[in-house]
C-alpha atoms as a PDB file:
ATOM      1  CA  MET A   1       5.257  22.623  -3.768  1.00  0.00           C
ATOM      2  CA  GLU A   2       3.501  25.656  -2.316  1.00  0.00           C
ATOM      3  CA  ASN A   3       2.483  28.602  -4.539  1.00  0.00           C
ATOM      4  CA  GLY A   4       4.769  30.891  -2.544  1.00  0.00           C
ATOM      5  CA  THR A   5       7.782  28.743  -3.372  1.00  0.00           C
ATOM      6  CA  ILE A   6       6.879  28.650  -7.081  1.00  0.00           C
ATOM      7  CA  LEU A   7       6.504  32.457  -7.109  1.00  0.00           C
ATOM      8  CA  LYS A   8       9.954  32.838  -5.520  1.00  0.00           C
ATOM      9  CA  PHE A   9      11.527  30.664  -8.242  1.00  0.00           C
ATOM     10  CA  HIS A  10       9.850  32.748 -10.967  1.00  0.00           C
ATOM     11  CA  ILE A  11      10.948  36.054  -9.417  1.00  0.00           C
ATOM     12  CA  ILE A  12      14.550  34.910  -9.051  1.00  0.00           C
ATOM     13  CA  PHE A  13      14.573  33.572 -12.636  1.00  0.00           C
ATOM     14  CA  TRP A  14      13.316  36.829 -14.181  1.00  0.00           C
ATOM     15  CA  ILE A  15      15.584  38.977 -12.006  1.00  0.00           C
ATOM     16  CA  VAL A  16      18.552  37.082 -13.434  1.00  0.00           C
ATOM     17  CA  VAL A  17      17.259  37.234 -17.035  1.00  0.00           C
ATOM     18  CA  ILE A  18      16.432  40.973 -16.881  1.00  0.00           C
ATOM     19  CA  SER A  19      19.731  41.820 -15.147  1.00  0.00           C
ATOM     20  CA  VAL A  20      21.834  39.954 -17.725  1.00  0.00           C
ATOM     21  CA  SER A  21      19.900  41.505 -20.656  1.00  0.00           C
ATOM     22  CA  LEU A  22      20.091  45.085 -19.353  1.00  0.00           C
ATOM     23  CA  LEU A  23      23.716  44.804 -18.311  1.00  0.00           C
ATOM     24  CA  ASP A  24      24.579  43.688 -21.821  1.00  0.00           C
ATOM     25  CA  THR A  25      22.676  46.660 -23.288  1.00  0.00           C
ATOM     26  CA  PHE A  26      24.226  49.163 -20.882  1.00  0.00           C
ATOM     27  CA  THR A  27      27.645  48.366 -22.266  1.00  0.00           C
ATOM     28  CA  TYR A  28      26.532  50.563 -25.199  1.00  0.00           C
ATOM     29  CA  ILE A  29      25.437  53.497 -23.001  1.00  0.00           C
ATOM     30  CA  GLU A  30      27.909  55.882 -24.632  1.00  0.00           C
ATOM     31  CA  ASN A  31      27.035  54.638 -28.100  1.00  0.00           C
ATOM     32  CA  ILE A  32      24.675  56.613 -30.331  1.00  0.00           C
ATOM     33  CA  LEU A  33      22.613  53.403 -30.736  1.00  0.00           C
ATOM     34  CA  PHE A  34      22.026  53.005 -26.979  1.00  0.00           C
ATOM     35  CA  LEU A  35      18.436  54.287 -26.898  1.00  0.00           C
ATOM     36  CA  PRO A  36      17.091  52.108 -29.754  1.00  0.00           C
ATOM     37  CA  LEU A  37      19.047  49.136 -28.380  1.00  0.00           C
ATOM     38  CA  LEU A  38      17.473  49.624 -24.929  1.00  0.00           C
ATOM     39  CA  THR A  39      14.027  49.941 -26.511  1.00  0.00           C
ATOM     40  CA  GLY A  40      14.562  46.772 -28.533  1.00  0.00           C
ATOM     41  CA  THR A  41      15.858  44.890 -25.465  1.00  0.00           C
ATOM     42  CA  ILE A  42      12.781  45.834 -23.445  1.00  0.00           C
ATOM     43  CA  ILE A  43      10.489  44.747 -26.318  1.00  0.00           C
ATOM     44  CA  ILE A  44      12.277  41.392 -26.608  1.00  0.00           C
ATOM     45  CA  LEU A  45      12.165  40.882 -22.821  1.00  0.00           C
ATOM     46  CA  ILE A  46       8.396  41.420 -22.897  1.00  0.00           C
ATOM     47  CA  TYR A  47       8.163  39.022 -25.864  1.00  0.00           C
ATOM     48  CA  ASN A  48      10.217  36.370 -24.097  1.00  0.00           C
ATOM     49  CA  SER A  49       8.165  36.623 -20.920  1.00  0.00           C
ATOM     50  CA  LEU A  50       4.897  36.433 -22.881  1.00  0.00           C
ATOM     51  CA  SER A  51       6.209  33.344 -24.738  1.00  0.00           C
ATOM     52  CA  PHE A  52       7.290  31.749 -21.480  1.00  0.00           C
ATOM     53  CA  TYR A  53       3.992  32.205 -19.699  1.00  0.00           C
ATOM     54  CA  LEU A  54       1.849  31.471 -22.751  1.00  0.00           C
ATOM     55  CA  PHE A  55       3.210  27.944 -22.851  1.00  0.00           C
ATOM     56  CA  TYR A  56       3.443  27.747 -19.061  1.00  0.00           C
ATOM     57  CA  TYR A  57      -0.280  28.324 -18.598  1.00  0.00           C
ATOM     58  CA  ILE A  58      -1.680  26.705 -21.742  1.00  0.00           C
ATOM     59  CA  LEU A  59       0.099  23.377 -21.437  1.00  0.00           C
ATOM     60  CA  SER A  60      -1.834  20.706 -19.588  1.00  0.00           C
ATOM     61  CA  GLN A  61      -1.727  16.921 -19.152  1.00  0.00           C
ATOM     62  CA  LYS A  62      -4.355  16.642 -21.872  1.00  0.00           C
ATOM     63  CA  LEU A  63      -2.194  18.538 -24.430  1.00  0.00           C
ATOM     64  CA  LEU A  64       0.823  16.389 -23.545  1.00  0.00           C
ATOM     65  CA  ARG A  65      -0.893  13.182 -24.567  1.00  0.00           C
ATOM     66  CA  LYS A  66       0.167  11.579 -27.856  1.00  0.00           C
ATOM     67  CA  LYS A  67      -3.174  12.419 -29.416  1.00  0.00           C
ATOM     68  CA  TYR A  68      -2.629  16.163 -29.023  1.00  0.00           C
ATOM     69  CA  ALA A  69       1.156  16.413 -28.844  1.00  0.00           C
ATOM     70  CA  VAL A  70       1.657  16.885 -32.611  1.00  0.00           C
ATOM     71  CA  TYR A  71      -0.966  19.656 -32.796  1.00  0.00           C
ATOM     72  CA  THR A  72       0.595  21.342 -29.769  1.00  0.00           C
ATOM     73  CA  VAL A  73       4.040  21.380 -31.440  1.00  0.00           C
ATOM     74  CA  LEU A  74       2.618  22.688 -34.740  1.00  0.00           C
ATOM     75  CA  ALA A  75       0.713  25.441 -32.957  1.00  0.00           C
ATOM     76  CA  GLY A  76       3.929  26.379 -31.145  1.00  0.00           C
ATOM     77  CA  LEU A  77       5.837  26.651 -34.456  1.00  0.00           C
ATOM     78  CA  VAL A  78       3.131  28.827 -35.990  1.00  0.00           C
ATOM     79  CA  TYR A  79       3.215  31.081 -32.911  1.00  0.00           C
ATOM     80  CA  ILE A  80       7.011  31.408 -32.983  1.00  0.00           C
ATOM     81  CA  THR A  81       7.034  32.251 -36.725  1.00  0.00           C
ATOM     82  CA  ILE A  82       4.303  34.920 -36.581  1.00  0.00           C
ATOM     83  CA  SER A  83       5.255  36.441 -33.218  1.00  0.00           C
ATOM     84  CA  GLY A  84       8.964  36.333 -34.065  1.00  0.00           C
ATOM     85  CA  PHE A  85       8.623  38.430 -37.216  1.00  0.00           C
ATOM     86  CA  SER A  86       6.206  40.811 -35.440  1.00  0.00           C
ATOM     87  CA  VAL A  87       8.644  41.410 -32.609  1.00  0.00           C
ATOM     88  CA  VAL A  88      11.506  41.939 -35.080  1.00  0.00           C
ATOM     89  CA  LEU A  89       9.501  44.722 -36.728  1.00  0.00           C
ATOM     90  CA  LEU A  90       8.645  46.298 -33.383  1.00  0.00           C
ATOM     91  CA  SER A  91      12.192  46.168 -32.074  1.00  0.00           C
ATOM     92  CA  TYR A  92      13.744  47.174 -35.444  1.00  0.00           C
ATOM     93  CA  TYR A  93      11.644  50.278 -36.096  1.00  0.00           C
ATOM     94  CA  PRO A  94      13.512  52.317 -33.489  1.00  0.00           C
ATOM     95  CA  PHE A  95      16.675  51.950 -35.573  1.00  0.00           C
ATOM     96  CA  ILE A  96      14.919  53.304 -38.677  1.00  0.00           C
ATOM     97  CA  TYR A  97      13.101  56.207 -37.067  1.00  0.00           C
ATOM     98  CA  PHE A  98      15.835  57.313 -34.702  1.00  0.00           C
ATOM     99  CA  TYR A  99      18.691  56.998 -37.198  1.00  0.00           C
ATOM    100  CA  PRO A 100      17.232  56.497 -40.705  1.00  0.00           C
ATOM    101  CA  PRO A 101      19.813  55.408 -43.273  1.00  0.00           C
ATOM    102  CA  ASP A 102      20.106  57.014 -46.669  1.00  0.00           C
ATOM    103  CA  VAL A 103      18.390  54.042 -48.221  1.00  0.00           C
ATOM    104  CA  PRO A 104      16.145  52.240 -45.639  1.00  0.00           C
ATOM    105  CA  VAL A 105      15.408  49.398 -48.053  1.00  0.00           C
ATOM    106  CA  LYS A 106      19.100  48.558 -48.356  1.00  0.00           C
ATOM    107  CA  PHE A 107      19.446  48.788 -44.570  1.00  0.00           C
ATOM    108  CA  THR A 108      16.785  46.100 -44.068  1.00  0.00           C
ATOM    109  CA  HIS A 109      18.719  43.761 -46.369  1.00  0.00           C
ATOM    110  CA  GLN A 110      21.935  43.966 -44.395  1.00  0.00           C
ATOM    111  CA  ASP A 111      23.305  40.566 -43.188  1.00  0.00           C
ATOM    112  CA  TRP A 112      23.037  41.544 -39.524  1.00  0.00           C
ATOM    113  CA  VAL A 113      19.295  42.106 -39.896  1.00  0.00           C
ATOM    114  CA  VAL A 114      18.799  38.493 -41.003  1.00  0.00           C
ATOM    115  CA  THR A 115      20.911  37.356 -38.076  1.00  0.00           C
ATOM    116  CA  TYR A 116      18.821  39.597 -35.815  1.00  0.00           C
ATOM    117  CA  ILE A 117      15.603  37.981 -37.082  1.00  0.00           C
ATOM    118  CA  TYR A 118      16.971  34.484 -36.382  1.00  0.00           C
ATOM    119  CA  GLY A 119      18.195  35.619 -32.994  1.00  0.00           C
ATOM    120  CA  VAL A 120      14.786  36.983 -31.942  1.00  0.00           C
ATOM    121  CA  MET A 121      12.992  33.837 -33.155  1.00  0.00           C
ATOM    122  CA  ALA A 122      15.539  31.610 -31.423  1.00  0.00           C
ATOM    123  CA  SER A 123      15.072  33.614 -28.227  1.00  0.00           C
ATOM    124  CA  GLY A 124      11.275  33.204 -28.436  1.00  0.00           C
ATOM    125  CA  THR A 125      11.704  29.496 -29.076  1.00  0.00           C
ATOM    126  CA  ILE A 126      14.026  29.024 -26.107  1.00  0.00           C
ATOM    127  CA  TYR A 127      11.693  30.814 -23.678  1.00  0.00           C
ATOM    128  CA  SER A 128       8.699  28.935 -25.036  1.00  0.00           C
ATOM    129  CA  ILE A 129      10.554  25.701 -24.421  1.00  0.00           C
ATOM    130  CA  LEU A 130      11.591  26.875 -20.927  1.00  0.00           C
ATOM    131  CA  GLY A 131       7.972  27.736 -20.147  1.00  0.00           C
ATOM    132  CA  SER A 132       6.863  24.336 -21.412  1.00  0.00           C
ATOM    133  CA  LEU A 133       9.543  22.551 -19.368  1.00  0.00           C
ATOM    134  CA  ALA A 134       8.617  24.533 -16.266  1.00  0.00           C
ATOM    135  CA  ARG A 135       4.976  23.530 -16.704  1.00  0.00           C
ATOM    136  CA  ILE A 136       5.813  19.894 -17.400  1.00  0.00           C
ATOM    137  CA  SER A 137       8.046  19.835 -14.292  1.00  0.00           C
ATOM    138  CA  LEU A 138       5.213  21.299 -12.204  1.00  0.00           C
ATOM    139  CA  ILE A 139       2.705  18.807 -13.599  1.00  0.00           C
ATOM    140  CA  TRP A 140       5.141  15.928 -12.907  1.00  0.00           C
ATOM    141  CA  TYR A 141       5.847  17.199  -9.370  1.00  0.00           C
ATOM    142  CA  ARG A 142       2.176  17.574  -8.471  1.00  0.00           C
ATOM    143  CA  SER A 143       1.461  14.156  -9.969  1.00  0.00           C
ATOM    144  CA  LYS A 144       4.324  12.649  -7.937  1.00  0.00           C
ATOM    145  CA  ILE A 145       3.080  14.320  -4.734  1.00  0.00           C
ATOM    146  CA  LYS A 146      -0.445  13.072  -5.402  1.00  0.00           C
ATOM    147  CA  GLN A 147       0.929   9.572  -6.072  1.00  0.00           C
ATOM    148  CA  MET A 148       2.953   9.651  -2.846  1.00  0.00           C
ATOM    149  CA  GLU A 149      -0.074  10.832  -0.851  1.00  0.00           C
ATOM    150  CA  THR A 150      -2.197   8.090  -2.400  1.00  0.00           C
ATOM    151  CA  GLU A 151       0.488   5.463  -1.635  1.00  0.00           C
ATOM    152  CA  LYS A 152       0.773   6.764   1.923  1.00  0.00           C
ATOM    153  CA  GLN A 153      -2.977   6.574   2.374  1.00  0.00           C
ATOM    154  CA  ASN A 154      -2.985   3.071   0.868  1.00  0.00           C
ATOM    155  CA  LEU A 155      -0.236   2.031   3.273  1.00  0.00           C
ATOM    156  CA  THR A 156      -2.192   3.457   6.217  1.00  0.00           C
ATOM    157  CA  ASN A 157      -5.312   1.589   5.090  1.00  0.00           C
ATOM    158  CA  GLU A 158      -3.359  -1.609   4.488  1.00  0.00           C
ATOM    159  CA  LEU A 159      -1.710  -1.425   7.917  1.00  0.00           C
ATOM    160  CA  ALA A 160      -5.134  -0.892   9.497  1.00  0.00           C
ATOM    161  CA  MET A 161      -6.444  -3.969   7.659  1.00  0.00           C
ATOM    162  CA  LEU A 162      -3.458  -6.040   8.744  1.00  0.00           C
ATOM    163  CA  ARG A 163      -4.018  -5.004  12.370  1.00  0.00           C
ATOM    164  CA  ALA A 164      -7.646  -5.946  12.040  1.00  0.00           C
ATOM    165  CA  GLN A 165      -6.584  -9.414  10.856  1.00  0.00           C
ATOM    166  CA  ILE A 166      -4.252  -9.881  13.851  1.00  0.00           C
ATOM    167  CA  ASN A 167      -6.202  -8.360  16.764  1.00  0.00           C
ATOM    168  CA  PRO A 168      -9.394 -10.479  16.611  1.00  0.00           C
ATOM    169  CA  HIS A 169      -7.289 -13.656  16.919  1.00  0.00           C
ATOM    170  CA  PHE A 170      -5.975 -12.467  20.251  1.00  0.00           C
ATOM    171  CA  LEU A 171      -9.375 -11.358  21.489  1.00  0.00           C
ATOM    172  CA  PHE A 172     -10.982 -14.658  20.511  1.00  0.00           C
ATOM    173  CA  ASN A 173      -8.461 -16.669  22.536  1.00  0.00           C
ATOM    174  CA  THR A 174      -8.620 -14.365  25.535  1.00  0.00           C
ATOM    175  CA  LEU A 175     -12.445 -14.339  25.715  1.00  0.00           C
ATOM    176  CA  ASN A 176     -12.488 -18.159  25.509  1.00  0.00           C
ATOM    177  CA  ASN A 177     -10.064 -18.311  28.432  1.00  0.00           C
ATOM    178  CA  ILE A 178     -12.168 -15.959  30.535  1.00  0.00           C
ATOM    179  CA  LYS A 179     -15.308 -17.955  29.694  1.00  0.00           C
ATOM    180  CA  SER A 180     -13.646 -21.075  31.065  1.00  0.00           C
ATOM    181  CA  LEU A 181     -12.433 -19.302  34.192  1.00  0.00           C
ATOM    182  CA  ILE A 182     -15.922 -17.955  35.016  1.00  0.00           C
ATOM    183  CA  LYS A 183     -17.150 -21.531  35.317  1.00  0.00           C
ATOM    184  CA  SER A 184     -14.140 -22.942  37.164  1.00  0.00           C
ATOM    185  CA  ILE A 185     -12.390 -20.196  39.112  1.00  0.00           C
ATOM    186  CA  PRO A 186     -14.529 -17.022  39.350  1.00  0.00           C
ATOM    187  CA  ALA A 187     -11.880 -15.105  41.337  1.00  0.00           C
ATOM    188  CA  LYS A 188      -9.320 -15.611  38.604  1.00  0.00           C
ATOM    189  CA  ALA A 189     -11.960 -14.602  36.080  1.00  0.00           C
ATOM    190  CA  VAL A 190     -12.350 -11.230  37.824  1.00  0.00           C
ATOM    191  CA  TYR A 191      -8.562 -10.858  37.843  1.00  0.00           C
ATOM    192  CA  SER A 192      -8.476 -11.731  34.158  1.00  0.00           C
ATOM    193  CA  ILE A 193     -11.166  -9.184  33.322  1.00  0.00           C
ATOM    194  CA  ASP A 194      -9.071  -6.518  35.053  1.00  0.00           C
ATOM    195  CA  LYS A 195      -6.078  -7.437  32.935  1.00  0.00           C
ATOM    196  CA  LEU A 196      -8.256  -7.562  29.848  1.00  0.00           C
ATOM    197  CA  ASN A 197      -9.491  -4.059  30.675  1.00  0.00           C
ATOM    198  CA  GLY A 198      -5.911  -2.820  30.501  1.00  0.00           C
ATOM    199  CA  ILE A 199      -5.407  -4.650  27.211  1.00  0.00           C
ATOM    200  CA  MET A 200      -8.595  -3.276  25.706  1.00  0.00           C
ATOM    201  CA  ASP A 201      -7.685   0.222  26.793  1.00  0.00           C
ATOM    202  CA  TYR A 202      -4.374  -0.102  24.969  1.00  0.00           C
ATOM    203  CA  MET A 203      -5.965  -1.551  21.861  1.00  0.00           C
ATOM    204  CA  LEU A 204      -8.698   1.065  21.799  1.00  0.00           C
ATOM    205  CA  TYR A 205      -6.549   4.169  22.325  1.00  0.00           C
ATOM    206  CA  GLU A 206      -3.025   3.234  21.169  1.00  0.00           C
ATOM    207  CA  SER A 207      -3.100   0.370  18.698  1.00  0.00           C
ATOM    208  CA  SER A 208      -4.202   2.694  15.876  1.00  0.00           C
ATOM    209  CA  LEU A 209      -1.244   5.067  16.407  1.00  0.00           C
ATOM    210  CA  GLU A 210       1.749   4.956  14.091  1.00  0.00           C
ATOM    211  CA  LYS A 211       4.109   4.443  17.038  1.00  0.00           C
ATOM    212  CA  VAL A 212       3.830   4.039  20.779  1.00  0.00           C
ATOM    213  CA  PRO A 213       6.342   4.074  23.673  1.00  0.00           C
ATOM    214  CA  LEU A 214       7.979   0.675  24.029  1.00  0.00           C
ATOM    215  CA  SER A 215       7.204   0.838  27.762  1.00  0.00           C
ATOM    216  CA  ASN A 216       3.459   0.840  26.900  1.00  0.00           C
ATOM    217  CA  GLU A 217       3.892  -2.081  24.547  1.00  0.00           C
ATOM    218  CA  ILE A 218       5.782  -4.019  27.231  1.00  0.00           C
ATOM    219  CA  ARG A 219       3.026  -3.305  29.753  1.00  0.00           C
ATOM    220  CA  TYR A 220       0.532  -4.639  27.212  1.00  0.00           C
ATOM    221  CA  ILE A 221       2.589  -7.804  26.739  1.00  0.00           C
ATOM    222  CA  LYS A 222       2.851  -8.334  30.489  1.00  0.00           C
ATOM    223  CA  ASN A 223      -0.946  -8.009  30.838  1.00  0.00           C
ATOM    224  CA  TYR A 224      -1.341 -10.580  28.100  1.00  0.00           C
ATOM    225  CA  LEU A 225       1.131 -12.955  29.740  1.00  0.00           C
ATOM    226  CA  GLU A 226      -0.654 -12.586  33.095  1.00  0.00           C
ATOM    227  CA  LEU A 227      -3.826 -13.771  31.396  1.00  0.00           C
ATOM    228  CA  GLU A 228      -2.042 -16.722  29.869  1.00  0.00           C
ATOM    229  CA  ARG A 229      -0.295 -17.709  33.092  1.00  0.00           C
ATOM    230  CA  ILE A 230      -3.704 -18.475  34.629  1.00  0.00           C
ATOM    231  CA  ARG A 231      -3.894 -21.513  32.335  1.00  0.00           C
ATOM    232  CA  TYR A 232      -0.626 -22.958  33.701  1.00  0.00           C
ATOM    233  CA  THR A 233      -0.008 -24.530  37.083  1.00  0.00           C
ATOM    234  CA  ASP A 234       3.719 -23.816  36.915  1.00  0.00           C
ATOM    235  CA  PRO A 235       4.350 -20.056  37.166  1.00  0.00           C
ATOM    236  CA  ASP A 236       7.803 -20.577  35.667  1.00  0.00           C
ATOM    237  CA  TYR A 237       6.437 -22.072  32.463  1.00  0.00           C
ATOM    238  CA  ILE A 238       6.375 -18.610  30.859  1.00  0.00           C
ATOM    239  CA  VAL A 239       9.587 -16.549  30.940  1.00  0.00           C
ATOM    240  CA  PHE A 240       9.694 -12.952  29.724  1.00  0.00           C
ATOM    241  CA  SER A 241      13.043 -11.199  30.018  1.00  0.00           C
ATOM    242  CA  ILE A 242      14.056  -7.701  28.982  1.00  0.00           C
ATOM    243  CA  THR A 243      17.616  -6.314  28.762  1.00  0.00           C
ATOM    244  CA  GLY A 244      18.691  -2.805  27.852  1.00  0.00           C
ATOM    245  CA  ASP A 245      17.304   0.652  28.336  1.00  0.00           C
ATOM    246  CA  TYR A 246      14.015   1.242  26.517  1.00  0.00           C
ATOM    247  CA  SER A 247      13.144   4.684  27.928  1.00  0.00           C
ATOM    248  CA  GLY A 248      12.181   6.977  25.054  1.00  0.00           C
ATOM    249  CA  VAL A 249      12.070   4.128  22.513  1.00  0.00           C
ATOM    250  CA  GLN A 250       9.102   4.116  20.122  1.00  0.00           C
ATOM    251  CA  VAL A 251       7.781   1.070  18.251  1.00  0.00           C
ATOM    252  CA  PRO A 252       4.776   0.242  16.062  1.00  0.00           C
ATOM    253  CA  PRO A 253       1.944  -1.026  18.278  1.00  0.00           C
ATOM    254  CA  LEU A 254       1.274  -4.804  18.540  1.00  0.00           C
ATOM    255  CA  ILE A 255       4.396  -5.553  16.525  1.00  0.00           C
ATOM    256  CA  PHE A 256       5.417  -8.475  18.779  1.00  0.00           C
ATOM    257  CA  MET A 257       1.997  -9.911  19.573  1.00  0.00           C
ATOM    258  CA  PRO A 258       1.521 -12.261  16.573  1.00  0.00           C
ATOM    259  CA  PHE A 259       4.646 -14.187  17.541  1.00  0.00           C
ATOM    260  CA  ILE A 260       3.704 -14.295  21.230  1.00  0.00           C
ATOM    261  CA  GLU A 261       0.161 -15.396  20.451  1.00  0.00           C
ATOM    262  CA  ASN A 262       1.521 -18.109  18.190  1.00  0.00           C
ATOM    263  CA  SER A 263       3.737 -19.468  20.983  1.00  0.00           C
ATOM    264  CA  PHE A 264       0.685 -20.078  23.143  1.00  0.00           C
ATOM    265  CA  LYS A 265      -1.581 -21.238  20.375  1.00  0.00           C
ATOM    266  CA  HIS A 266       0.766 -23.925  19.110  1.00  0.00           C
ATOM    267  CA  GLY A 267       2.963 -24.520  22.159  1.00  0.00           C
ATOM    268  CA  ASN A 268       3.033 -27.846  23.944  1.00  0.00           C
ATOM    269  CA  LYS A 269       1.870 -27.395  27.544  1.00  0.00           C
ATOM    270  CA  LEU A 270       2.964 -30.937  28.464  1.00  0.00           C
ATOM    271  CA  LYS A 271       6.672 -30.058  28.154  1.00  0.00           C
ATOM    272  CA  PRO A 272       8.743 -29.060  31.237  1.00  0.00           C
ATOM    273  CA  SER A 273       9.380 -25.473  32.271  1.00  0.00           C
ATOM    274  CA  PRO A 274      10.277 -23.094  30.814  1.00  0.00           C
ATOM    275  CA  GLY A 275       8.011 -23.995  27.914  1.00  0.00           C
ATOM    276  CA  ILE A 276       7.670 -20.542  26.442  1.00  0.00           C
ATOM    277  CA  ILE A 277      10.640 -18.149  26.466  1.00  0.00           C
ATOM    278  CA  ILE A 278      10.237 -14.558  25.294  1.00  0.00           C
ATOM    279  CA  LYS A 279      13.256 -12.297  25.153  1.00  0.00           C
ATOM    280  CA  MET A 280      13.702  -8.648  24.238  1.00  0.00           C
ATOM    281  CA  ASP A 281      17.155  -7.070  24.009  1.00  0.00           C
ATOM    282  CA  ILE A 282      17.250  -3.314  23.421  1.00  0.00           C
ATOM    283  CA  THR A 283      20.466  -1.673  22.247  1.00  0.00           C
ATOM    284  CA  GLU A 284      21.106   1.926  21.187  1.00  0.00           C
ATOM    285  CA  SER A 285      20.048   1.278  17.625  1.00  0.00           C
ATOM    286  CA  ARG A 286      18.223  -2.050  17.453  1.00  0.00           C
ATOM    287  CA  ILE A 287      15.656  -4.287  19.121  1.00  0.00           C
ATOM    288  CA  LEU A 288      16.272  -8.023  19.113  1.00  0.00           C
ATOM    289  CA  PHE A 289      13.116  -9.930  19.927  1.00  0.00           C
ATOM    290  CA  SER A 290      12.739 -13.702  20.090  1.00  0.00           C
ATOM    291  CA  THR A 291      10.280 -16.358  21.108  1.00  0.00           C
ATOM    292  CA  LYS A 292      10.851 -20.085  21.675  1.00  0.00           C
ATOM    293  CA  ASN A 293       8.256 -22.720  22.479  1.00  0.00           C
ATOM    294  CA  PHE A 294       7.926 -26.483  22.402  1.00  0.00           C
ATOM    295  CA  THR A 295       5.844 -27.739  19.502  1.00  0.00           C
ATOM    296  CA  LYS A 296       3.056 -30.212  19.703  1.00  0.00           C
ATOM    297  CA  GLU A 297       3.673 -33.806  18.687  1.00  0.00           C
ATOM    298  CA  ASN A 298       1.493 -33.643  15.577  1.00  0.00           C
ATOM    299  CA  ASN A 299       3.133 -30.451  14.256  1.00  0.00           C
ATOM    300  CA  SER A 300       4.975 -30.853  11.001  1.00  0.00           C
ATOM    301  CA  SER A 301       8.585 -29.691  11.233  1.00  0.00           C
ATOM    302  CA  GLY A 302       8.336 -28.272   7.765  1.00  0.00           C
ATOM    303  CA  ASN A 303       5.392 -26.034   8.568  1.00  0.00           C
ATOM    304  CA  LYS A 304       7.104 -22.672   8.673  1.00  0.00           C
ATOM    305  CA  ASN A 305       3.887 -20.759   9.299  1.00  0.00           C
ATOM    306  CA  SER A 306       3.070 -22.871  12.336  1.00  0.00           C
ATOM    307  CA  GLY A 307      -0.537 -21.847  12.042  1.00  0.00           C
ATOM    308  CA  PHE A 308      -0.252 -18.051  11.947  1.00  0.00           C
ATOM    309  CA  GLY A 309      -0.521 -15.562   9.050  1.00  0.00           C
ATOM    310  CA  LEU A 310       3.145 -15.229   8.226  1.00  0.00           C
ATOM    311  CA  PRO A 311       2.518 -13.512   4.850  1.00  0.00           C
ATOM    312  CA  ASN A 312       0.421 -10.835   6.537  1.00  0.00           C
ATOM    313  CA  ILE A 313       3.028 -10.367   9.240  1.00  0.00           C
ATOM    314  CA  ARG A 314       5.856 -10.044   6.727  1.00  0.00           C
ATOM    315  CA  ARG A 315       3.746  -7.617   4.705  1.00  0.00           C
ATOM    316  CA  ARG A 316       3.225  -5.422   7.743  1.00  0.00           C
ATOM    317  CA  LEU A 317       6.921  -5.530   8.591  1.00  0.00           C
ATOM    318  CA  ASP A 318       7.769  -4.572   4.994  1.00  0.00           C
ATOM    319  CA  LEU A 319       5.423  -1.599   5.206  1.00  0.00           C
ATOM    320  CA  LEU A 320       6.714  -0.494   8.566  1.00  0.00           C
ATOM    321  CA  PHE A 321      10.447  -0.997   8.143  1.00  0.00           C
ATOM    322  CA  ASP A 322      10.921  -1.043   4.366  1.00  0.00           C
ATOM    323  CA  LYS A 323      13.173  -4.119   4.459  1.00  0.00           C
ATOM    324  CA  ASN A 324      15.252  -2.668   7.312  1.00  0.00           C
ATOM    325  CA  TYR A 325      14.523  -5.670   9.485  1.00  0.00           C
ATOM    326  CA  GLU A 326      15.385  -9.361   9.771  1.00  0.00           C
ATOM    327  CA  LEU A 327      12.825 -12.043  10.550  1.00  0.00           C
ATOM    328  CA  LYS A 328      13.973 -15.629  11.053  1.00  0.00           C
ATOM    329  CA  ILE A 329      11.504 -18.482  11.499  1.00  0.00           C
ATOM    330  CA  GLU A 330      13.199 -21.667  12.731  1.00  0.00           C
ATOM    331  CA  PRO A 331      10.737 -24.571  12.887  1.00  0.00           C
ATOM    332  CA  GLY A 332      11.900 -27.850  14.346  1.00  0.00           C
ATOM    333  CA  SER A 333      10.530 -31.221  15.349  1.00  0.00           C
ATOM    334  CA  SER A 334      10.436 -30.215  19.033  1.00  0.00           C
ATOM    335  CA  GLU A 335      10.943 -26.421  19.155  1.00  0.00           C
ATOM    336  CA  PHE A 336       9.704 -23.431  17.221  1.00  0.00           C
ATOM    337  CA  ILE A 337      11.876 -20.290  17.318  1.00  0.00           C
ATOM    338  CA  VAL A 338      11.182 -16.812  15.979  1.00  0.00           C
ATOM    339  CA  LYS A 339      13.806 -14.064  15.849  1.00  0.00           C
ATOM    340  CA  LEU A 340      12.930 -10.462  14.912  1.00  0.00           C
ATOM    341  CA  ASN A 341      15.563  -7.818  14.593  1.00  0.00           C
ATOM    342  CA  PHE A 342      14.841  -4.243  13.510  1.00  0.00           C
ATOM    343  CA  LEU A 343      16.291  -0.729  13.719  1.00  0.00           C
ATOM    344  CA  ILE A 344      15.045   1.778  16.251  1.00  0.00           C
ATOM    345  CA  SER A 345      14.071   4.921  14.352  1.00  0.00           C
END
């Protein structure tokens, strides 16, 4: 909360308090007691404001701890007792000196005077408590903001770490592929380096952003698939289809890549085409993404991770979408299917 906003709240609060107090006093404007009543009201208003801000500025997180809480309450009671009686004398004297009774001593023992004393002390107590509550609320609010900023920073750091765990996997596989192409088919190696240049440009300048245009992410995926197609003799072995309008859609960078990489890493190249099917369906509010690949003969059907860091991926999805997503992993004896469904924000 900015200081300007806090100041506005204080000004509005005291305008209301002063207005109510003075309006109540001005109902006696034609009464002979109006002037001493007005003087007493002003003195009590000053007392209430001093009580409010005394506790507002003195209270701290240290004084609110159990170790100091008792002493803080006792000090408050001593203050209310001493200051309350002092203010009663200050606000009561105008009655004596403006309109002295025949017997001032008897006047001070009137029942209404005792009630007046209790009223002033109760008023001081209420405003001291209000000042304390205002300070406690401010301390809590600042603590909450600090906690939220810390959590946000931790989330940012954690997402960066999770990206760092995913990206090197892709780079390792790609560089190995290019190394093999340099020896066997140099022309394709040059082509691959050109595609890798586009991929590296994306990873260097966009992968660290919170969100990127889906069109950029799709271009990145296509560059990746072009690199992978070099390894296959059948150009139809890899199928990537997109339906729906994705203009203006923003997504977290590299959100689909772990699943695509996994399809190639653990897919069975000996199966007929299409061996790897990647689909992306974009609607007005959601993106439905899926991958399907044949599994290798020695893969266990019960291995739901299928070799990739599923806990890390789920953790990143939790951080990004706060449970507003659905991820289904369907391992089988011959096929491995992944379905990701999330809201477009």
